[in-house]
PDB file of N, CA and C in Angstrom:
ATOM      1  N   MET A   1       0.674  -1.157  -0.157  1.00  0.00           N
ATOM      2  CA  MET A   1       0.060   0.128  -0.293  1.00  0.00           C
ATOM      3  C   MET A   1       0.626   1.409  -0.381  1.00  0.00           C
ATOM      4  N   HIS A   2       0.385   2.258  -0.779  1.00  0.00           N
ATOM      5  CA  HIS A   2       1.040   3.408  -1.190  1.00  0.00           C
ATOM      6  C   HIS A   2       0.735   4.655   0.034  1.00  0.00           C
ATOM      7  N   GLU A   3       1.968   5.064   0.535  1.00  0.00           N
ATOM      8  CA  GLU A   3       1.537   6.227   1.677  1.00  0.00           C
ATOM      9  C   GLU A   3       1.120   7.406   0.874  1.00  0.00           C
ATOM     10  N   PHE A   4       0.006   8.144   1.220  1.00  0.00           N
ATOM     11  CA  PHE A   4      -0.148   9.319   0.878  1.00  0.00           C
ATOM     12  C   PHE A   4       0.983  10.831   0.493  1.00  0.00           C
ATOM     13  N   LYS A   5       1.657  10.533   1.149  1.00  0.00           N
ATOM     14  CA  LYS A   5       3.134  11.438   1.265  1.00  0.00           C
ATOM     15  C   LYS A   5       3.715  10.983  -0.140  1.00  0.00           C
ATOM     16  N   ASN A   6       3.837   9.766  -0.349  1.00  0.00           N
ATOM     17  CA  ASN A   6       4.606   9.233  -1.871  1.00  0.00           C
ATOM     18  C   ASN A   6       4.086  10.292  -2.869  1.00  0.00           C
ATOM     19  N   PHE A   7       2.614  10.533  -2.840  1.00  0.00           N
ATOM     20  CA  PHE A   7       2.235  11.069  -3.725  1.00  0.00           C
ATOM     21  C   PHE A   7       2.281  12.269  -3.788  1.00  0.00           C
ATOM     22  N   THR A   8       2.204  13.116  -2.870  1.00  0.00           N
ATOM     23  CA  THR A   8       2.752  14.518  -2.611  1.00  0.00           C
ATOM     24  C   THR A   8       4.193  15.764  -2.780  1.00  0.00           C
ATOM     25  N   ASP A   9       5.256  14.309  -3.125  1.00  0.00           N
ATOM     26  CA  ASP A   9       6.573  14.881  -3.361  1.00  0.00           C
ATOM     27  C   ASP A   9       6.163  15.815  -4.219  1.00  0.00           C
ATOM     28  N   GLY A  10       7.122  17.059  -3.674  1.00  0.00           N
ATOM     29  CA  GLY A  10       6.999  18.267  -4.421  1.00  0.00           C
ATOM     30  C   GLY A  10       6.296  19.535  -4.421  1.00  0.00           C
ATOM     31  N   TYR A  11       5.036  18.760  -3.204  1.00  0.00           N
ATOM     32  CA  TYR A  11       3.872  19.565  -3.244  1.00  0.00           C
ATOM     33  C   TYR A  11       3.956  19.902  -1.648  1.00  0.00           C
ATOM     34  N   LEU A  12       3.240  21.034  -1.293  1.00  0.00           N
ATOM     35  CA  LEU A  12       2.936  21.937   0.012  1.00  0.00           C
ATOM     36  C   LEU A  12       1.649  21.617   0.481  1.00  0.00           C
ATOM     37  N   ASN A  13       1.201  21.861   1.976  1.00  0.00           N
ATOM     38  CA  ASN A  13       0.045  22.106   2.123  1.00  0.00           C
ATOM     39  C   ASN A  13      -0.021  23.587   2.452  1.00  0.00           C
ATOM     40  N   LYS A  14      -1.254  23.962   2.928  1.00  0.00           N
ATOM     41  CA  LYS A  14      -1.101  25.504   2.858  1.00  0.00           C
ATOM     42  C   LYS A  14       0.049  25.923   3.910  1.00  0.00           C
ATOM     43  N   ARG A  15       0.043  25.454   4.871  1.00  0.00           N
ATOM     44  CA  ARG A  15       0.509  25.811   6.198  1.00  0.00           C
ATOM     45  C   ARG A  15       2.431  25.967   5.778  1.00  0.00           C
ATOM     46  N   ASP A  16       2.688  24.559   5.269  1.00  0.00           N
ATOM     47  CA  ASP A  16       4.239  24.471   5.021  1.00  0.00           C
ATOM     48  C   ASP A  16       4.098  25.851   3.606  1.00  0.00           C
ATOM     49  N   ALA A  17       3.218  26.102   2.841  1.00  0.00           N
ATOM     50  CA  ALA A  17       3.629  26.538   1.599  1.00  0.00           C
ATOM     51  C   ALA A  17       3.520  28.414   2.270  1.00  0.00           C
ATOM     52  N   ALA A  18       3.059  28.754   3.414  1.00  0.00           N
ATOM     53  CA  ALA A  18       2.794  29.972   3.695  1.00  0.00           C
ATOM     54  C   ALA A  18       4.077  29.778   4.476  1.00  0.00           C
ATOM     55  N   THR A  19       5.101  29.108   5.512  1.00  0.00           N
ATOM     56  CA  THR A  19       6.040  28.894   5.800  1.00  0.00           C
ATOM     57  C   THR A  19       7.279  29.183   4.811  1.00  0.00           C
ATOM     58  N   TYR A  20       7.021  28.120   3.493  1.00  0.00           N
ATOM     59  CA  TYR A  20       8.246  28.547   2.726  1.00  0.00           C
ATOM     60  C   TYR A  20       8.255  29.887   1.900  1.00  0.00           C
ATOM     61  N   THR A  21       6.934  30.493   1.652  1.00  0.00           N
ATOM     62  CA  THR A  21       7.054  31.633   1.048  1.00  0.00           C
ATOM     63  C   THR A  21       7.083  32.546   2.268  1.00  0.00           C
ATOM     64  N   ALA A  22       7.069  32.713   2.990  1.00  0.00           N
ATOM     65  CA  ALA A  22       6.965  33.664   4.260  1.00  0.00           C
ATOM     66  C   ALA A  22       5.444  34.829   4.108  1.00  0.00           C
ATOM     67  N   VAL A  23       4.819  34.323   3.415  1.00  0.00           N
ATOM     68  CA  VAL A  23       3.506  34.862   3.615  1.00  0.00           C
ATOM     69  C   VAL A  23       2.319  34.305   4.506  1.00  0.00           C
ATOM     70  N   SER A  24       1.088  34.900   5.210  1.00  0.00           N
ATOM     71  CA  SER A  24       0.311  34.001   5.924  1.00  0.00           C
ATOM     72  C   SER A  24      -0.735  33.293   4.295  1.00  0.00           C
ATOM     73  N   GLN A  25      -1.094  32.193   5.220  1.00  0.00           N
ATOM     74  CA  GLN A  25      -2.099  31.805   4.826  1.00  0.00           C
ATOM     75  C   GLN A  25      -3.293  32.485   3.701  1.00  0.00           C
ATOM     76  N   ARG A  26      -3.802  33.279   4.320  1.00  0.00           N
ATOM     77  CA  ARG A  26      -4.490  34.128   3.675  1.00  0.00           C
ATOM     78  C   ARG A  26      -4.217  34.763   2.244  1.00  0.00           C
ATOM     79  N   THR A  27      -2.742  35.381   2.512  1.00  0.00           N
ATOM     80  CA  THR A  27      -2.202  35.873   1.436  1.00  0.00           C
ATOM     81  C   THR A  27      -2.099  34.748   0.075  1.00  0.00           C
ATOM     82  N   LEU A  28      -1.933  33.660   0.411  1.00  0.00           N
ATOM     83  CA  LEU A  28      -1.975  32.511  -0.306  1.00  0.00           C
ATOM     84  C   LEU A  28      -3.338  32.125  -1.132  1.00  0.00           C
ATOM     85  N   ASP A  29      -4.528  32.508   0.049  1.00  0.00           N
ATOM     86  CA  ASP A  29      -5.522  32.198  -0.584  1.00  0.00           C
ATOM     87  C   ASP A  29      -6.450  33.524  -1.515  1.00  0.00           C
ATOM     88  N   TYR A  30      -5.894  34.496  -1.522  1.00  0.00           N
ATOM     89  CA  TYR A  30      -5.977  35.829  -1.961  1.00  0.00           C
ATOM     90  C   TYR A  30      -5.216  35.748  -3.117  1.00  0.00           C
ATOM     91  N   ALA A  31      -3.759  35.258  -3.391  1.00  0.00           N
ATOM     92  CA  ALA A  31      -3.277  34.930  -4.298  1.00  0.00           C
ATOM     93  C   ALA A  31      -4.164  33.720  -5.602  1.00  0.00           C
ATOM     94  N   VAL A  32      -4.424  32.590  -4.843  1.00  0.00           N
ATOM     95  CA  VAL A  32      -5.189  31.904  -5.485  1.00  0.00           C
ATOM     96  C   VAL A  32      -6.654  32.149  -5.749  1.00  0.00           C
ATOM     97  N   ALA A  33      -7.301  33.325  -5.377  1.00  0.00           N
ATOM     98  CA  ALA A  33      -8.615  33.861  -5.952  1.00  0.00           C
ATOM     99  C   ALA A  33      -8.312  34.729  -6.650  1.00  0.00           C
ATOM    100  N   ARG A  34      -7.306  35.675  -7.460  1.00  0.00           N
ATOM    101  CA  ARG A  34      -6.875  36.183  -8.137  1.00  0.00           C
ATOM    102  C   ARG A  34      -6.573  35.386  -9.353  1.00  0.00           C
ATOM    103  N   GLY A  35      -5.995  34.499  -9.237  1.00  0.00           N
ATOM    104  CA  GLY A  35      -5.535  33.288 -10.062  1.00  0.00           C
ATOM    105  C   GLY A  35      -4.020  33.821 -10.484  1.00  0.00           C
ATOM    106  N   GLU A  36      -3.425  34.264  -9.683  1.00  0.00           N
ATOM    107  CA  GLU A  36      -1.822  34.433 -10.018  1.00  0.00           C
ATOM    108  C   GLU A  36      -1.180  33.146  -9.507  1.00  0.00           C
ATOM    109  N   LEU A  37      -1.992  32.524  -8.473  1.00  0.00           N
ATOM    110  CA  LEU A  37      -1.244  31.215  -7.805  1.00  0.00           C
ATOM    111  C   LEU A  37      -2.032  29.840  -8.048  1.00  0.00           C
ATOM    112  N   ARG A  38      -1.570  28.890  -8.127  1.00  0.00           N
ATOM    113  CA  ARG A  38      -2.458  28.004  -8.672  1.00  0.00           C
ATOM    114  C   ARG A  38      -2.302  26.797  -7.505  1.00  0.00           C
ATOM    115  N   ALA A  39      -3.463  26.381  -7.092  1.00  0.00           N
ATOM    116  CA  ALA A  39      -3.598  25.154  -5.968  1.00  0.00           C
ATOM    117  C   ALA A  39      -4.318  24.031  -6.300  1.00  0.00           C
ATOM    118  N   PHE A  40      -3.868  22.784  -5.356  1.00  0.00           N
ATOM    119  CA  PHE A  40      -4.674  21.945  -5.852  1.00  0.00           C
ATOM    120  C   PHE A  40      -5.622  21.524  -5.066  1.00  0.00           C
ATOM    121  N   LYS A  41      -7.140  21.291  -4.928  1.00  0.00           N
ATOM    122  CA  LYS A  41      -7.642  20.831  -3.776  1.00  0.00           C
ATOM    123  C   LYS A  41      -8.235  19.802  -3.779  1.00  0.00           C
ATOM    124  N   LEU A  42      -7.886  19.146  -3.117  1.00  0.00           N
ATOM    125  CA  LEU A  42      -8.223  17.520  -3.103  1.00  0.00           C
ATOM    126  C   LEU A  42      -9.328  17.158  -1.830  1.00  0.00           C
ATOM    127  N   THR A  43     -10.309  16.716  -2.824  1.00  0.00           N
ATOM    128  CA  THR A  43     -11.785  16.354  -1.823  1.00  0.00           C
ATOM    129  C   THR A  43     -11.939  14.634  -1.819  1.00  0.00           C
ATOM    130  N   LEU A  44     -11.775  14.286  -0.667  1.00  0.00           N
ATOM    131  CA  LEU A  44     -11.542  13.120  -0.351  1.00  0.00           C
ATOM    132  C   LEU A  44     -13.067  12.282  -0.202  1.00  0.00           C
ATOM    133  N   THR A  45     -13.582  13.180   1.031  1.00  0.00           N
ATOM    134  CA  THR A  45     -15.268  12.895   0.846  1.00  0.00           C
ATOM    135  C   THR A  45     -15.911  14.031   0.931  1.00  0.00           C
ATOM    136  N   GLY A  46     -17.237  13.934   0.549  1.00  0.00           N
ATOM    137  CA  GLY A  46     -18.019  15.183   1.287  1.00  0.00           C
ATOM    138  C   GLY A  46     -17.769  16.385  -0.392  1.00  0.00           C
ATOM    139  N   SER A  47     -18.429  17.369   0.159  1.00  0.00           N
ATOM    140  CA  SER A  47     -17.925  18.641  -1.064  1.00  0.00           C
ATOM    141  C   SER A  47     -16.785  19.381  -0.373  1.00  0.00           C
ATOM    142  N   ARG A  48     -16.212  19.313   0.830  1.00  0.00           N
ATOM    143  CA  ARG A  48     -15.648  20.524   0.823  1.00  0.00           C
ATOM    144  C   ARG A  48     -14.376  19.723   0.882  1.00  0.00           C
ATOM    145  N   PRO A  49     -13.170  20.747   0.378  1.00  0.00           N
ATOM    146  CA  PRO A  49     -11.935  20.213   0.296  1.00  0.00           C
ATOM    147  C   PRO A  49     -11.107  19.637   1.595  1.00  0.00           C
ATOM    148  N   HIS A  50     -10.630  18.323   1.582  1.00  0.00           N
ATOM    149  CA  HIS A  50      -9.706  17.947   2.892  1.00  0.00           C
ATOM    150  C   HIS A  50      -8.171  18.632   3.141  1.00  0.00           C
ATOM    151  N   LYS A  51      -8.098  18.656   1.746  1.00  0.00           N
ATOM    152  CA  LYS A  51      -6.193  19.191   1.505  1.00  0.00           C
ATOM    153  C   LYS A  51      -6.186  19.968   0.695  1.00  0.00           C
ATOM    154  N   VAL A  52      -5.406  21.006   0.543  1.00  0.00           N
ATOM    155  CA  VAL A  52      -5.158  22.056  -0.242  1.00  0.00           C
ATOM    156  C   VAL A  52      -3.794  21.660  -0.236  1.00  0.00           C
ATOM    157  N   LEU A  53      -2.872  21.863  -1.443  1.00  0.00           N
ATOM    158  CA  LEU A  53      -1.706  21.698  -2.219  1.00  0.00           C
ATOM    159  C   LEU A  53      -1.046  22.592  -3.149  1.00  0.00           C
ATOM    160  N   PHE A  54      -0.032  23.244  -2.681  1.00  0.00           N
ATOM    161  CA  PHE A  54       0.607  23.915  -3.673  1.00  0.00           C
ATOM    162  C   PHE A  54       1.766  23.337  -4.352  1.00  0.00           C
ATOM    163  N   ARG A  55       2.040  23.137  -5.389  1.00  0.00           N
ATOM    164  CA  ARG A  55       3.207  22.881  -6.107  1.00  0.00           C
ATOM    165  C   ARG A  55       4.240  24.095  -5.503  1.00  0.00           C
ATOM    166  N   LYS A  56       5.603  23.384  -5.458  1.00  0.00           N
ATOM    167  CA  LYS A  56       6.590  23.962  -5.190  1.00  0.00           C
ATOM    168  C   LYS A  56       7.317  25.081  -5.892  1.00  0.00           C
ATOM    169  N   GLN A  57       7.208  24.280  -7.310  1.00  0.00           N
ATOM    170  CA  GLN A  57       7.612  25.044  -8.646  1.00  0.00           C
ATOM    171  C   GLN A  57       6.955  26.365  -8.712  1.00  0.00           C
ATOM    172  N   ASP A  58       5.336  26.252  -8.633  1.00  0.00           N
ATOM    173  CA  ASP A  58       4.691  27.314  -8.570  1.00  0.00           C
ATOM    174  C   ASP A  58       4.849  28.136  -8.007  1.00  0.00           C
ATOM    175  N   LEU A  59       4.953  27.811  -6.489  1.00  0.00           N
ATOM    176  CA  LEU A  59       5.390  28.829  -5.277  1.00  0.00           C
ATOM    177  C   LEU A  59       6.435  29.423  -5.504  1.00  0.00           C
ATOM    178  N   ASP A  60       7.523  28.911  -6.250  1.00  0.00           N
ATOM    179  CA  ASP A  60       9.206  29.462  -6.257  1.00  0.00           C
ATOM    180  C   ASP A  60       8.625  30.844  -7.952  1.00  0.00           C
ATOM    181  N   ILE A  61       7.749  30.358  -9.076  1.00  0.00           N
ATOM    182  CA  ILE A  61       7.392  31.271  -9.541  1.00  0.00           C
ATOM    183  C   ILE A  61       6.646  32.786  -9.231  1.00  0.00           C
ATOM    184  N   TRP A  62       5.570  32.077  -8.520  1.00  0.00           N
ATOM    185  CA  TRP A  62       5.174  33.388  -7.630  1.00  0.00           C
ATOM    186  C   TRP A  62       5.813  34.316  -6.892  1.00  0.00           C
ATOM    187  N   ILE A  63       6.737  33.742  -5.982  1.00  0.00           N
ATOM    188  CA  ILE A  63       7.352  34.523  -5.310  1.00  0.00           C
ATOM    189  C   ILE A  63       8.300  35.674  -6.286  1.00  0.00           C
ATOM    190  N   GLN A  64       8.471  34.895  -7.235  1.00  0.00           N
ATOM    191  CA  GLN A  64       9.336  35.512  -8.002  1.00  0.00           C
ATOM    192  C   GLN A  64       8.823  37.222  -8.489  1.00  0.00           C
ATOM    193  N   ARG A  65       7.882  36.734  -9.190  1.00  0.00           N
ATOM    194  CA  ARG A  65       6.750  37.636  -9.839  1.00  0.00           C
ATOM    195  C   ARG A  65       6.720  38.571  -8.789  1.00  0.00           C
ATOM    196  N   GLN A  66       6.557  38.410  -7.764  1.00  0.00           N
ATOM    197  CA  GLN A  66       6.330  39.418  -6.399  1.00  0.00           C
ATOM    198  C   GLN A  66       7.178  40.748  -6.335  1.00  0.00           C
ATOM    199  N   ARG A  67       8.638  40.000  -6.265  1.00  0.00           N
ATOM    200  CA  ARG A  67       9.445  40.681  -6.248  1.00  0.00           C
ATOM    201  C   ARG A  67       9.345  42.272  -7.129  1.00  0.00           C
ATOM    202  N   ALA A  68      10.324  42.940  -6.166  1.00  0.00           N
ATOM    203  CA  ALA A  68      10.229  44.356  -7.161  1.00  0.00           C
ATOM    204  C   ALA A  68      11.293  44.742  -8.142  1.00  0.00           C
ATOM    205  N   GLY A  69      11.027  44.694  -8.994  1.00  0.00           N
ATOM    206  CA  GLY A  69      12.238  44.980 -10.212  1.00  0.00           C
ATOM    207  C   GLY A  69      12.666  43.222 -10.757  1.00  0.00           C
ATOM    208  N   ALA A  70      11.195  42.404 -10.401  1.00  0.00           N
ATOM    209  CA  ALA A  70      11.576  41.357 -11.111  1.00  0.00           C
ATOM    210  C   ALA A  70      11.919  40.999 -12.897  1.00  0.00           C
ATOM    211  N   ASP A  71      12.630  40.206 -12.797  1.00  0.00           N
ATOM    212  CA  ASP A  71      12.949  39.783 -14.318  1.00  0.00           C
ATOM    213  C   ASP A  71      11.865  38.961 -14.953  1.00  0.00           C
ATOM    214  N   LEU A  72      10.957  39.772 -15.579  1.00  0.00           N
ATOM    215  CA  LEU A  72       9.660  39.377 -16.368  1.00  0.00           C
ATOM    216  C   LEU A  72       9.852  38.532 -17.338  1.00  0.00           C
ATOM    217  N   ASP A  73      10.793  39.044 -18.042  1.00  0.00           N
ATOM    218  CA  ASP A  73      11.525  38.040 -18.963  1.00  0.00           C
ATOM    219  C   ASP A  73      11.863  36.588 -18.407  1.00  0.00           C
ATOM    220  N   GLY A  74      12.471  36.173 -17.949  1.00  0.00           N
ATOM    221  CA  GLY A  74      12.982  35.259 -17.181  1.00  0.00           C
ATOM    222  C   GLY A  74      11.899  34.382 -16.614  1.00  0.00           C
ATOM    223  N   ILE A  75      11.091  35.125 -15.841  1.00  0.00           N
ATOM    224  CA  ILE A  75       9.898  34.326 -15.476  1.00  0.00           C
ATOM    225  C   ILE A  75       9.141  33.513 -16.742  1.00  0.00           C
ATOM    226  N   VAL A  76       8.726  34.990 -17.705  1.00  0.00           N
ATOM    227  CA  VAL A  76       7.958  34.312 -18.707  1.00  0.00           C
ATOM    228  C   VAL A  76       8.669  32.956 -19.784  1.00  0.00           C
ATOM    229  N   SER A  77       9.841  33.079 -19.486  1.00  0.00           N
ATOM    230  CA  SER A  77      10.780  31.800 -20.287  1.00  0.00           C
ATOM    231  C   SER A  77      10.635  30.864 -18.931  1.00  0.00           C
ATOM    232  N   GLU A  78      10.801  30.986 -18.055  1.00  0.00           N
ATOM    233  CA  GLU A  78      10.924  29.865 -17.511  1.00  0.00           C
ATOM    234  C   GLU A  78       9.173  29.018 -17.241  1.00  0.00           C
ATOM    235  N   VAL A  79       8.100  29.979 -17.709  1.00  0.00           N
ATOM    236  CA  VAL A  79       7.129  29.010 -17.988  1.00  0.00           C
ATOM    237  C   VAL A  79       6.827  28.991 -18.975  1.00  0.00           C
ATOM    238  N   VAL A  80       7.367  28.886 -20.072  1.00  0.00           N
ATOM    239  CA  VAL A  80       7.000  28.749 -21.129  1.00  0.00           C
ATOM    240  C   VAL A  80       8.043  27.260 -21.163  1.00  0.00           C
ATOM    241  N   ALA A  81       9.148  27.328 -20.971  1.00  0.00           N
ATOM    242  CA  ALA A  81       9.593  26.168 -20.472  1.00  0.00           C
ATOM    243  C   ALA A  81       9.071  24.945 -19.760  1.00  0.00           C
ATOM    244  N   GLU A  82       8.157  24.949 -19.132  1.00  0.00           N
ATOM    245  CA  GLU A  82       7.902  24.348 -18.163  1.00  0.00           C
ATOM    246  C   GLU A  82       6.347  24.054 -18.574  1.00  0.00           C
ATOM    247  N   VAL A  83       6.036  24.687 -19.453  1.00  0.00           N
ATOM    248  CA  VAL A  83       4.763  23.585 -20.092  1.00  0.00           C
ATOM    249  C   VAL A  83       4.868  23.021 -21.326  1.00  0.00           C
ATOM    250  N   ARG A  84       6.489  23.543 -21.841  1.00  0.00           N
ATOM    251  CA  ARG A  84       6.981  22.719 -23.158  1.00  0.00           C
ATOM    252  C   ARG A  84       7.428  21.381 -22.516  1.00  0.00           C
ATOM    253  N   ASN A  85       7.997  21.422 -21.452  1.00  0.00           N
ATOM    254  CA  ASN A  85       8.204  19.992 -20.938  1.00  0.00           C
ATOM    255  C   ASN A  85       7.890  19.188 -20.012  1.00  0.00           C
ATOM    256  N   GLY A  86       6.500  19.613 -20.178  1.00  0.00           N
ATOM    257  CA  GLY A  86       5.332  18.990 -19.458  1.00  0.00           C
ATOM    258  C   GLY A  86       4.399  19.449 -17.854  1.00  0.00           C
TER     259      GLY A  86
END
């Protein structure tokens, strides 16, 4: 039997994502609501999400975009490369 953790490598729950990015969980919620950041909502039973996961790579890109004077050309190049590579 596989452990759930094995399927979440490279992903962080909301609390850990907030710690990783040094922002509040609410800030992450706002970024998701504005479409700036992608989150994966896993619903195990019922209609409420039981676990929200953020991909570390998405968090890194989002943080780069938030920096003052961010290299937008570099960010776009990273995103395009990511899309091309799968």
